Amino acid sequence: IFHNFRGYDSHLVCESVGRSANAIQIRVITETFERYKSMKVGQLKYIDSMQFMNSSLASLTKNLGDNHQITSQYFKKLGYTEEQIALVYRKGIYCYDYIDSQDRFLETEFPPIHEFHSTLKGKITLDDYQHAQKVWKEFGCKNLGEYHDIYLKTDVLSLADVWTEFRKMSMEYYELDPSHYVSAPSLSWDAQLKMTGVRIKLFTDMAMHDFTEKAKRGGISMACQRYFKANNPKMGEAYNPSKPTSWYLRNILHSLAIY
C-alpha cells in the first residue's frame, strides 16, 4: 500500500519490475498511460491509499491523535521511551532539496532552517523546524543519514496506522475489507448493495435501455474547496491600493445540460 501510488510510486515500482524476470507477470489497472490505480506482479498487489482517503499523509496522521499502535510497538521494541515515541506521532520534517547526494547523509550537523525550503512545499514554519531539531536530539542522531532513516520509518509506520484504522472502520460498519478493492468508489458500490439489500436487475425492456442510454451526460462530480482572491475598496483594511482592483462574482447555474 502506497500513498499516492498512482501519481508517484507506481513509476518507480514499474521501472524496477519492468527490468526483472517477472515483467511478463505485470497486470495493471490504469487511469491514463502514466497513472496506474493498481498493479499486480505475480501474487504481489499494489494499491493506492489515496484512492480511498484523498488527503495528505500529514492530515491523515494528525486525525489519528495518539492512536498510533503500530508506530508505538515498533519504537518500543527498539527501546525508545513514550516521550520519544510521541515525537513521531506526526508527519516528519525533511529537507528534500538539500539532499542532493549521498554525501549529505554523512553530515553530523543538523541543517539550518533555510535548507528545509522545498520547491514544492515552500518554507517550513519555525515550529516545524524546532520539532525536527527535537527529533534529531531525542533520537540521538549522529548524522543526517540516521535522521533520514527515522523519517522514512515514520512515514511507513504512520501509513500503516492510518490504513489499519481505515480497515477497522470499514470492517466494523460494512464488514468489507478495503484491501481487496482498488478505490473508494468500488468499495462504496459494494457497501451500498450490501447495506440496502438491493438486487439490481438487468434491463429486459429495450425502451428502458434506450431511455437510459440517451439520458447519459458527461461531466465531473466532485466536492472541492473554492478559492477567491479579490482586491477592491469595499474590502476595508484588506484592500491594497498598490495592486490592481479586482472583484469576484459567484454564480450557481442549474440545468446547463438542458439549456
C-alpha atoms as a PDB file:
ATOM      1  CA  ILE A   1       0.000   0.000   0.000  1.00  0.00           C
ATOM      2  CA  PHE A   2       1.457   3.328  -1.098  1.00  0.00           C
ATOM      3  CA  HIS A   3       0.070   6.807  -0.511  1.00  0.00           C
ATOM      4  CA  ASN A   4      -0.148   8.443  -3.952  1.00  0.00           C
ATOM      5  CA  PHE A   5       0.998   5.260  -5.693  1.00  0.00           C
ATOM      6  CA  ARG A   6      -0.900   6.397  -8.768  1.00  0.00           C
ATOM      7  CA  GLY A   7       0.954   9.688  -9.073  1.00  0.00           C
ATOM      8  CA  TYR A   8       4.481   8.850  -7.936  1.00  0.00           C
ATOM      9  CA  ASP A   9       5.477   5.462  -6.517  1.00  0.00           C
ATOM     10  CA  SER A  10       3.993   3.444  -9.384  1.00  0.00           C
ATOM     11  CA  HIS A  11       6.622   4.863 -11.749  1.00  0.00           C
ATOM     12  CA  LEU A  12       9.482   3.679  -9.540  1.00  0.00           C
ATOM     13  CA  VAL A  13       7.944   0.249  -8.967  1.00  0.00           C
ATOM     14  CA  CYS A  14       7.089  -0.258 -12.631  1.00  0.00           C
ATOM     15  CA  GLU A  15      10.561   0.788 -13.759  1.00  0.00           C
ATOM     16  CA  SER A  16      12.188  -1.673 -11.364  1.00  0.00           C
ATOM     17  CA  VAL A  17       9.840  -4.587 -12.039  1.00  0.00           C
ATOM     18  CA  GLY A  18       9.994  -3.944 -15.775  1.00  0.00           C
ATOM     19  CA  ARG A  19      13.692  -4.856 -15.764  1.00  0.00           C
ATOM     20  CA  SER A  20      13.177  -8.075 -13.805  1.00  0.00           C
ATOM     21  CA  ALA A  21      12.264 -11.589 -14.865  1.00  0.00           C
ATOM     22  CA  ASN A  22       8.749 -11.012 -13.508  1.00  0.00           C
ATOM     23  CA  ALA A  23       7.949  -8.340 -16.099  1.00  0.00           C
ATOM     24  CA  ILE A  24       5.638 -10.677 -18.023  1.00  0.00           C
ATOM     25  CA  GLN A  25       3.534 -11.122 -14.870  1.00  0.00           C
ATOM     26  CA  ILE A  26       2.620  -7.432 -14.526  1.00  0.00           C
ATOM     27  CA  ARG A  27      -1.089  -6.607 -14.553  1.00  0.00           C
ATOM     28  CA  VAL A  28      -2.236  -3.004 -14.139  1.00  0.00           C
ATOM     29  CA  ILE A  29      -5.463  -1.036 -13.803  1.00  0.00           C
ATOM     30  CA  THR A  30      -4.735   2.281 -15.460  1.00  0.00           C
ATOM     31  CA  GLU A  31      -6.270   5.720 -15.284  1.00  0.00           C
ATOM     32  CA  THR A  32      -4.065   7.141 -18.026  1.00  0.00           C
ATOM     33  CA  PHE A  33      -0.996   5.918 -19.875  1.00  0.00           C
ATOM     34  CA  GLU A  34       1.222   7.060 -16.985  1.00  0.00           C
ATOM     35  CA  ARG A  35      -1.090   6.762 -13.961  1.00  0.00           C
ATOM     36  CA  TYR A  36      -1.774   3.322 -12.517  1.00  0.00           C
ATOM     37  CA  LYS A  37      -4.503   2.832  -9.917  1.00  0.00           C
ATOM     38  CA  SER A  38      -3.342  -0.665  -9.087  1.00  0.00           C
ATOM     39  CA  MET A  39      -0.587  -3.049 -10.104  1.00  0.00           C
ATOM     40  CA  LYS A  40      -0.237  -6.783  -9.625  1.00  0.00           C
ATOM     41  CA  VAL A  41       3.068  -8.600 -10.067  1.00  0.00           C
ATOM     42  CA  GLY A  42       2.601 -12.325  -9.601  1.00  0.00           C
ATOM     43  CA  GLN A  43       0.979 -12.698  -6.164  1.00  0.00           C
ATOM     44  CA  LEU A  44       2.001  -9.194  -5.049  1.00  0.00           C
ATOM     45  CA  LYS A  45      -0.617  -6.459  -5.383  1.00  0.00           C
ATOM     46  CA  TYR A  46      -0.009  -2.702  -5.103  1.00  0.00           C
ATOM     47  CA  ILE A  47      -2.845  -0.298  -4.286  1.00  0.00           C
ATOM     48  CA  ASP A  48      -3.037   3.443  -3.616  1.00  0.00           C
ATOM     49  CA  SER A  49      -4.371   4.506  -0.205  1.00  0.00           C
ATOM     50  CA  MET A  50      -5.030   7.981  -1.633  1.00  0.00           C
ATOM     51  CA  GLN A  51      -7.728   6.402  -3.823  1.00  0.00           C
ATOM     52  CA  PHE A  52      -9.633   5.813  -0.586  1.00  0.00           C
ATOM     53  CA  MET A  53      -8.509   8.775   1.531  1.00  0.00           C
ATOM     54  CA  ASN A  54      -7.824  11.762  -0.708  1.00  0.00           C
ATOM     55  CA  SER A  55      -5.799  13.786   1.762  1.00  0.00           C
ATOM     56  CA  SER A  56      -2.155  14.292   2.655  1.00  0.00           C
ATOM     57  CA  LEU A  57      -0.452  11.782   4.914  1.00  0.00           C
ATOM     58  CA  ALA A  58       0.205  14.646   7.334  1.00  0.00           C
ATOM     59  CA  SER A  59      -3.534  15.320   7.702  1.00  0.00           C
ATOM     60  CA  LEU A  60      -4.435  11.647   7.978  1.00  0.00           C
ATOM     61  CA  THR A  61      -1.766  11.087  10.620  1.00  0.00           C
ATOM     62  CA  LYS A  62      -2.979  14.101  12.583  1.00  0.00           C
ATOM     63  CA  ASN A  63      -6.522  12.706  12.579  1.00  0.00           C
ATOM     64  CA  LEU A  64      -5.311   9.620  14.449  1.00  0.00           C
ATOM     65  CA  GLY A  65      -4.499  11.667  17.536  1.00  0.00           C
ATOM     66  CA  ASP A  66      -2.461   9.426  19.844  1.00  0.00           C
ATOM     67  CA  ASN A  67      -3.778   6.205  18.301  1.00  0.00           C
ATOM     68  CA  HIS A  68      -0.552   5.029  16.636  1.00  0.00           C
ATOM     69  CA  GLN A  69      -0.340   1.416  17.780  1.00  0.00           C
ATOM     70  CA  ILE A  70       1.983   0.104  15.059  1.00  0.00           C
ATOM     71  CA  THR A  71       4.358   3.066  15.360  1.00  0.00           C
ATOM     72  CA  SER A  72       4.379   2.754  19.142  1.00  0.00           C
ATOM     73  CA  GLN A  73       5.040  -1.007  19.133  1.00  0.00           C
ATOM     74  CA  TYR A  74       7.897  -0.690  16.651  1.00  0.00           C
ATOM     75  CA  PHE A  75       9.820   2.004  18.514  1.00  0.00           C
ATOM     76  CA  LYS A  76       9.155   0.413  21.916  1.00  0.00           C
ATOM     77  CA  LYS A  77      10.909  -2.734  20.708  1.00  0.00           C
ATOM     78  CA  LEU A  78      13.924  -0.559  19.898  1.00  0.00           C
ATOM     79  CA  GLY A  79      13.975   0.718  23.480  1.00  0.00           C
ATOM     80  CA  TYR A  80      12.621   4.237  22.997  1.00  0.00           C
ATOM     81  CA  THR A  81      10.547   5.922  25.717  1.00  0.00           C
ATOM     82  CA  GLU A  82       6.933   7.107  25.446  1.00  0.00           C
ATOM     83  CA  GLU A  83       8.134  10.721  25.313  1.00  0.00           C
ATOM     84  CA  GLN A  84      10.460   9.966  22.400  1.00  0.00           C
ATOM     85  CA  ILE A  85       7.857   7.943  20.513  1.00  0.00           C
ATOM     86  CA  ALA A  86       5.264  10.719  20.885  1.00  0.00           C
ATOM     87  CA  LEU A  87       7.512  12.924  18.727  1.00  0.00           C
ATOM     88  CA  VAL A  88       6.896  10.724  15.677  1.00  0.00           C
ATOM     89  CA  TYR A  89       3.105  10.728  16.007  1.00  0.00           C
ATOM     90  CA  ARG A  90       3.056  13.277  13.198  1.00  0.00           C
ATOM     91  CA  LYS A  91       4.425  13.700   9.680  1.00  0.00           C
ATOM     92  CA  GLY A  92       8.171  14.112   9.735  1.00  0.00           C
ATOM     93  CA  ILE A  93      10.006  17.230   8.570  1.00  0.00           C
ATOM     94  CA  TYR A  94      12.531  16.699   5.789  1.00  0.00           C
ATOM     95  CA  CYS A  95      14.997  18.785   3.776  1.00  0.00           C
ATOM     96  CA  TYR A  96      14.036  17.405   0.359  1.00  0.00           C
ATOM     97  CA  ASP A  97      16.001  19.775  -1.875  1.00  0.00           C
ATOM     98  CA  TYR A  98      19.043  19.789   0.403  1.00  0.00           C
ATOM     99  CA  ILE A  99      19.671  16.059  -0.083  1.00  0.00           C
ATOM    100  CA  ASP A 100      21.379  16.217  -3.474  1.00  0.00           C
ATOM    101  CA  SER A 101      23.961  13.448  -2.953  1.00  0.00           C
ATOM    102  CA  GLN A 102      24.703  10.516  -0.643  1.00  0.00           C
ATOM    103  CA  ASP A 103      27.495  12.549   0.941  1.00  0.00           C
ATOM    104  CA  ARG A 104      24.814  14.615   2.696  1.00  0.00           C
ATOM    105  CA  PHE A 105      23.966  11.593   4.843  1.00  0.00           C
ATOM    106  CA  LEU A 106      27.422  11.761   6.433  1.00  0.00           C
ATOM    107  CA  GLU A 107      26.945  15.320   7.726  1.00  0.00           C
ATOM    108  CA  THR A 108      26.929  15.475  11.518  1.00  0.00           C
ATOM    109  CA  GLU A 109      25.319  18.912  11.881  1.00  0.00           C
ATOM    110  CA  PHE A 110      21.576  19.462  11.560  1.00  0.00           C
ATOM    111  CA  PRO A 111      20.845  21.675   8.507  1.00  0.00           C
ATOM    112  CA  PRO A 112      19.764  25.296   9.140  1.00  0.00           C
ATOM    113  CA  ILE A 113      16.111  26.198   8.645  1.00  0.00           C
ATOM    114  CA  HIS A 114      16.601  27.740   5.190  1.00  0.00           C
ATOM    115  CA  GLU A 115      17.820  24.380   3.858  1.00  0.00           C
ATOM    116  CA  PHE A 116      14.350  22.954   4.514  1.00  0.00           C
ATOM    117  CA  HIS A 117      12.878  25.153   1.800  1.00  0.00           C
ATOM    118  CA  SER A 118      11.229  22.962  -0.828  1.00  0.00           C
ATOM    119  CA  THR A 119      10.421  23.866  -4.419  1.00  0.00           C
ATOM    120  CA  LEU A 120       7.128  22.002  -3.971  1.00  0.00           C
ATOM    121  CA  LYS A 121       6.107  22.979  -0.437  1.00  0.00           C
ATOM    122  CA  GLY A 122       7.994  26.223   0.124  1.00  0.00           C
ATOM    123  CA  LYS A 123       9.314  27.204   3.551  1.00  0.00           C
ATOM    124  CA  ILE A 124       8.653  25.376   6.810  1.00  0.00           C
ATOM    125  CA  THR A 125       7.498  27.094   9.993  1.00  0.00           C
ATOM    126  CA  LEU A 126       9.741  27.723  12.976  1.00  0.00           C
ATOM    127  CA  ASP A 127       7.588  25.279  14.970  1.00  0.00           C
ATOM    128  CA  ASP A 128       8.207  22.543  12.389  1.00  0.00           C
ATOM    129  CA  TYR A 129      11.941  23.233  12.396  1.00  0.00           C
ATOM    130  CA  GLN A 130      12.140  23.110  16.178  1.00  0.00           C
ATOM    131  CA  HIS A 131      10.225  19.831  16.154  1.00  0.00           C
ATOM    132  CA  ALA A 132      12.705  18.376  13.644  1.00  0.00           C
ATOM    133  CA  GLN A 133      15.598  19.524  15.840  1.00  0.00           C
ATOM    134  CA  LYS A 134      13.993  17.821  18.826  1.00  0.00           C
ATOM    135  CA  VAL A 135      13.604  14.547  16.916  1.00  0.00           C
ATOM    136  CA  TRP A 136      17.293  14.744  15.922  1.00  0.00           C
ATOM    137  CA  LYS A 137      18.321  15.297  19.536  1.00  0.00           C
ATOM    138  CA  GLU A 138      15.943  12.884  21.309  1.00  0.00           C
ATOM    139  CA  PHE A 139      16.636  10.013  18.911  1.00  0.00           C
ATOM    140  CA  GLY A 140      20.381  10.573  19.207  1.00  0.00           C
ATOM    141  CA  CYS A 141      21.038  11.037  15.502  1.00  0.00           C
ATOM    142  CA  LYS A 142      24.773  11.044  14.766  1.00  0.00           C
ATOM    143  CA  ASN A 143      24.379  12.174  11.177  1.00  0.00           C
ATOM    144  CA  LEU A 144      21.793  13.162   8.594  1.00  0.00           C
ATOM    145  CA  GLY A 145      21.601   9.582   7.351  1.00  0.00           C
ATOM    146  CA  GLU A 146      20.204   8.394  10.687  1.00  0.00           C
ATOM    147  CA  TYR A 147      17.655  11.217  10.708  1.00  0.00           C
ATOM    148  CA  HIS A 148      16.742  10.246   7.142  1.00  0.00           C
ATOM    149  CA  ASP A 149      16.075   6.653   8.236  1.00  0.00           C
ATOM    150  CA  ILE A 150      13.828   7.781  11.099  1.00  0.00           C
ATOM    151  CA  TYR A 151      11.881   9.980   8.696  1.00  0.00           C
ATOM    152  CA  LEU A 152      11.294   7.083   6.294  1.00  0.00           C
ATOM    153  CA  LYS A 153      10.334   4.666   9.072  1.00  0.00           C
ATOM    154  CA  THR A 154       7.893   7.203  10.491  1.00  0.00           C
ATOM    155  CA  ASP A 155       6.269   7.662   7.073  1.00  0.00           C
ATOM    156  CA  VAL A 156       5.795   3.922   6.557  1.00  0.00           C
ATOM    157  CA  LEU A 157       4.571   3.277  10.098  1.00  0.00           C
ATOM    158  CA  SER A 158       2.166   6.234  10.011  1.00  0.00           C
ATOM    159  CA  LEU A 159       0.601   4.968   6.797  1.00  0.00           C
ATOM    160  CA  ALA A 160       0.296   1.507   8.364  1.00  0.00           C
ATOM    161  CA  ASP A 161      -1.541   3.031  11.340  1.00  0.00           C
ATOM    162  CA  VAL A 162      -3.820   5.088   9.093  1.00  0.00           C
ATOM    163  CA  TRP A 163      -4.679   2.132   6.865  1.00  0.00           C
ATOM    164  CA  THR A 164      -5.245  -0.191   9.836  1.00  0.00           C
ATOM    165  CA  GLU A 165      -7.749   2.236  11.363  1.00  0.00           C
ATOM    166  CA  PHE A 166      -9.476   2.684   8.000  1.00  0.00           C
ATOM    167  CA  ARG A 167      -9.773  -1.093   7.582  1.00  0.00           C
ATOM    168  CA  LYS A 168     -11.074  -1.411  11.123  1.00  0.00           C
ATOM    169  CA  MET A 169     -13.787   1.174  10.484  1.00  0.00           C
ATOM    170  CA  SER A 170     -14.821  -0.408   7.177  1.00  0.00           C
ATOM    171  CA  MET A 171     -14.936  -3.895   8.674  1.00  0.00           C
ATOM    172  CA  GLU A 172     -16.959  -2.632  11.637  1.00  0.00           C
ATOM    173  CA  TYR A 173     -19.574  -0.771   9.592  1.00  0.00           C
ATOM    174  CA  TYR A 174     -19.741  -2.746   6.347  1.00  0.00           C
ATOM    175  CA  GLU A 175     -17.832  -5.992   7.012  1.00  0.00           C
ATOM    176  CA  LEU A 176     -15.839  -5.203   3.867  1.00  0.00           C
ATOM    177  CA  ASP A 177     -12.040  -5.071   3.701  1.00  0.00           C
ATOM    178  CA  PRO A 178     -10.710  -2.096   1.661  1.00  0.00           C
ATOM    179  CA  SER A 179      -7.522  -4.045   0.950  1.00  0.00           C
ATOM    180  CA  HIS A 180      -9.477  -6.128  -1.560  1.00  0.00           C
ATOM    181  CA  TYR A 181     -10.585  -3.070  -3.539  1.00  0.00           C
ATOM    182  CA  VAL A 182      -8.919  -0.637  -5.926  1.00  0.00           C
ATOM    183  CA  SER A 183     -10.565   2.600  -4.825  1.00  0.00           C
ATOM    184  CA  ALA A 184     -13.303   4.145  -2.689  1.00  0.00           C
ATOM    185  CA  PRO A 185     -15.927   4.008  -5.499  1.00  0.00           C
ATOM    186  CA  SER A 186     -15.584   0.225  -5.836  1.00  0.00           C
ATOM    187  CA  LEU A 187     -15.742  -0.171  -2.047  1.00  0.00           C
ATOM    188  CA  SER A 188     -18.736   2.153  -1.660  1.00  0.00           C
ATOM    189  CA  TRP A 189     -20.581   0.386  -4.500  1.00  0.00           C
ATOM    190  CA  ASP A 190     -20.377  -2.951  -2.697  1.00  0.00           C
ATOM    191  CA  ALA A 191     -21.188  -1.253   0.611  1.00  0.00           C
ATOM    192  CA  GLN A 192     -24.415   0.278  -0.686  1.00  0.00           C
ATOM    193  CA  LEU A 193     -25.503  -3.012  -2.266  1.00  0.00           C
ATOM    194  CA  LYS A 194     -24.762  -4.857   0.974  1.00  0.00           C
ATOM    195  CA  MET A 195     -26.375  -2.332   3.329  1.00  0.00           C
ATOM    196  CA  THR A 196     -29.537  -1.749   1.265  1.00  0.00           C
ATOM    197  CA  GLY A 197     -30.029  -5.328   0.122  1.00  0.00           C
ATOM    198  CA  VAL A 198     -30.998  -4.055  -3.316  1.00  0.00           C
ATOM    199  CA  ARG A 199     -30.657  -6.508  -6.193  1.00  0.00           C
ATOM    200  CA  ILE A 200     -30.131  -4.601  -9.415  1.00  0.00           C
ATOM    201  CA  LYS A 201     -31.750  -6.385 -12.317  1.00  0.00           C
ATOM    202  CA  LEU A 202     -30.660  -6.275 -15.919  1.00  0.00           C
ATOM    203  CA  PHE A 203     -32.836  -4.384 -18.368  1.00  0.00           C
ATOM    204  CA  THR A 204     -35.040  -6.639 -20.448  1.00  0.00           C
ATOM    205  CA  ASP A 205     -37.118  -3.813 -21.898  1.00  0.00           C
ATOM    206  CA  MET A 206     -35.352  -2.234 -24.878  1.00  0.00           C
ATOM    207  CA  ALA A 207     -37.247   1.034 -24.385  1.00  0.00           C
ATOM    208  CA  MET A 208     -35.880   1.346 -20.826  1.00  0.00           C
ATOM    209  CA  HIS A 209     -32.372   0.619 -22.096  1.00  0.00           C
ATOM    210  CA  ASP A 210     -32.606   3.229 -24.844  1.00  0.00           C
ATOM    211  CA  PHE A 211     -34.062   5.810 -22.434  1.00  0.00           C
ATOM    212  CA  THR A 212     -31.140   5.327 -20.029  1.00  0.00           C
ATOM    213  CA  GLU A 213     -28.513   5.454 -22.765  1.00  0.00           C
ATOM    214  CA  LYS A 214     -29.907   8.708 -24.153  1.00  0.00           C
ATOM    215  CA  ALA A 215     -30.001  10.251 -20.671  1.00  0.00           C
ATOM    216  CA  LYS A 216     -26.264   9.826 -20.119  1.00  0.00           C
ATOM    217  CA  ARG A 217     -24.350  13.058 -19.676  1.00  0.00           C
ATOM    218  CA  GLY A 218     -20.627  13.584 -19.438  1.00  0.00           C
ATOM    219  CA  GLY A 219     -19.171  15.728 -16.702  1.00  0.00           C
ATOM    220  CA  ILE A 220     -17.332  15.939 -13.424  1.00  0.00           C
ATOM    221  CA  SER A 221     -18.756  15.294  -9.972  1.00  0.00           C
ATOM    222  CA  MET A 222     -16.641  16.464  -7.050  1.00  0.00           C
ATOM    223  CA  ALA A 223     -16.516  18.131  -3.654  1.00  0.00           C
ATOM    224  CA  CYS A 224     -13.842  20.819  -3.818  1.00  0.00           C
ATOM    225  CA  GLN A 225     -12.606  23.778  -1.810  1.00  0.00           C
ATOM    226  CA  ARG A 226     -13.234  27.049  -3.611  1.00  0.00           C
ATOM    227  CA  TYR A 227     -10.704  29.865  -3.622  1.00  0.00           C
ATOM    228  CA  PHE A 228     -11.384  33.502  -4.461  1.00  0.00           C
ATOM    229  CA  LYS A 229      -8.977  36.411  -4.403  1.00  0.00           C
ATOM    230  CA  ALA A 230     -10.191  39.965  -4.839  1.00  0.00           C
ATOM    231  CA  ASN A 231      -8.819  43.444  -4.177  1.00  0.00           C
ATOM    232  CA  ASN A 232     -11.188  46.409  -4.012  1.00  0.00           C
ATOM    233  CA  PRO A 233     -12.053  49.393  -1.734  1.00  0.00           C
ATOM    234  CA  LYS A 234     -15.028  47.580  -0.186  1.00  0.00           C
ATOM    235  CA  MET A 235     -12.713  45.072   1.464  1.00  0.00           C
ATOM    236  CA  GLY A 236     -11.698  47.537   4.172  1.00  0.00           C
ATOM    237  CA  GLU A 237      -8.232  47.016   5.656  1.00  0.00           C
ATOM    238  CA  ALA A 238      -7.628  44.023   3.394  1.00  0.00           C
ATOM    239  CA  TYR A 239      -7.657  46.329   0.348  1.00  0.00           C
ATOM    240  CA  ASN A 240      -4.230  47.013  -1.143  1.00  0.00           C
ATOM    241  CA  PRO A 241      -4.404  50.182  -3.310  1.00  0.00           C
ATOM    242  CA  SER A 242      -0.968  49.482  -4.782  1.00  0.00           C
ATOM    243  CA  LYS A 243      -2.339  46.403  -6.554  1.00  0.00           C
ATOM    244  CA  PRO A 244      -4.879  46.212  -9.398  1.00  0.00           C
ATOM    245  CA  THR A 245      -8.526  46.415  -8.352  1.00  0.00           C
ATOM    246  CA  SER A 246     -10.397  43.147  -8.789  1.00  0.00           C
ATOM    247  CA  TRP A 247     -13.810  41.716  -7.871  1.00  0.00           C
ATOM    248  CA  TYR A 248     -15.394  38.304  -7.892  1.00  0.00           C
ATOM    249  CA  LEU A 249     -18.910  37.139  -8.631  1.00  0.00           C
ATOM    250  CA  ARG A 250     -20.156  33.701  -7.662  1.00  0.00           C
ATOM    251  CA  ASN A 251     -22.997  32.198  -9.693  1.00  0.00           C
ATOM    252  CA  ILE A 252     -24.669  28.822  -9.287  1.00  0.00           C
ATOM    253  CA  LEU A 253     -26.279  27.619 -12.511  1.00  0.00           C
ATOM    254  CA  HIS A 254     -28.658  24.683 -12.805  1.00  0.00           C
ATOM    255  CA  SER A 255     -29.801  22.578 -15.747  1.00  0.00           C
ATOM    256  CA  LEU A 256     -26.927  23.593 -18.014  1.00  0.00           C
ATOM    257  CA  ALA A 257     -27.255  20.274 -19.835  1.00  0.00           C
ATOM    258  CA  ILE A 258     -30.812  21.184 -20.853  1.00  0.00           C
ATOM    259  CA  TYR A 259     -30.318  24.837 -21.812  1.00  0.00           C
END
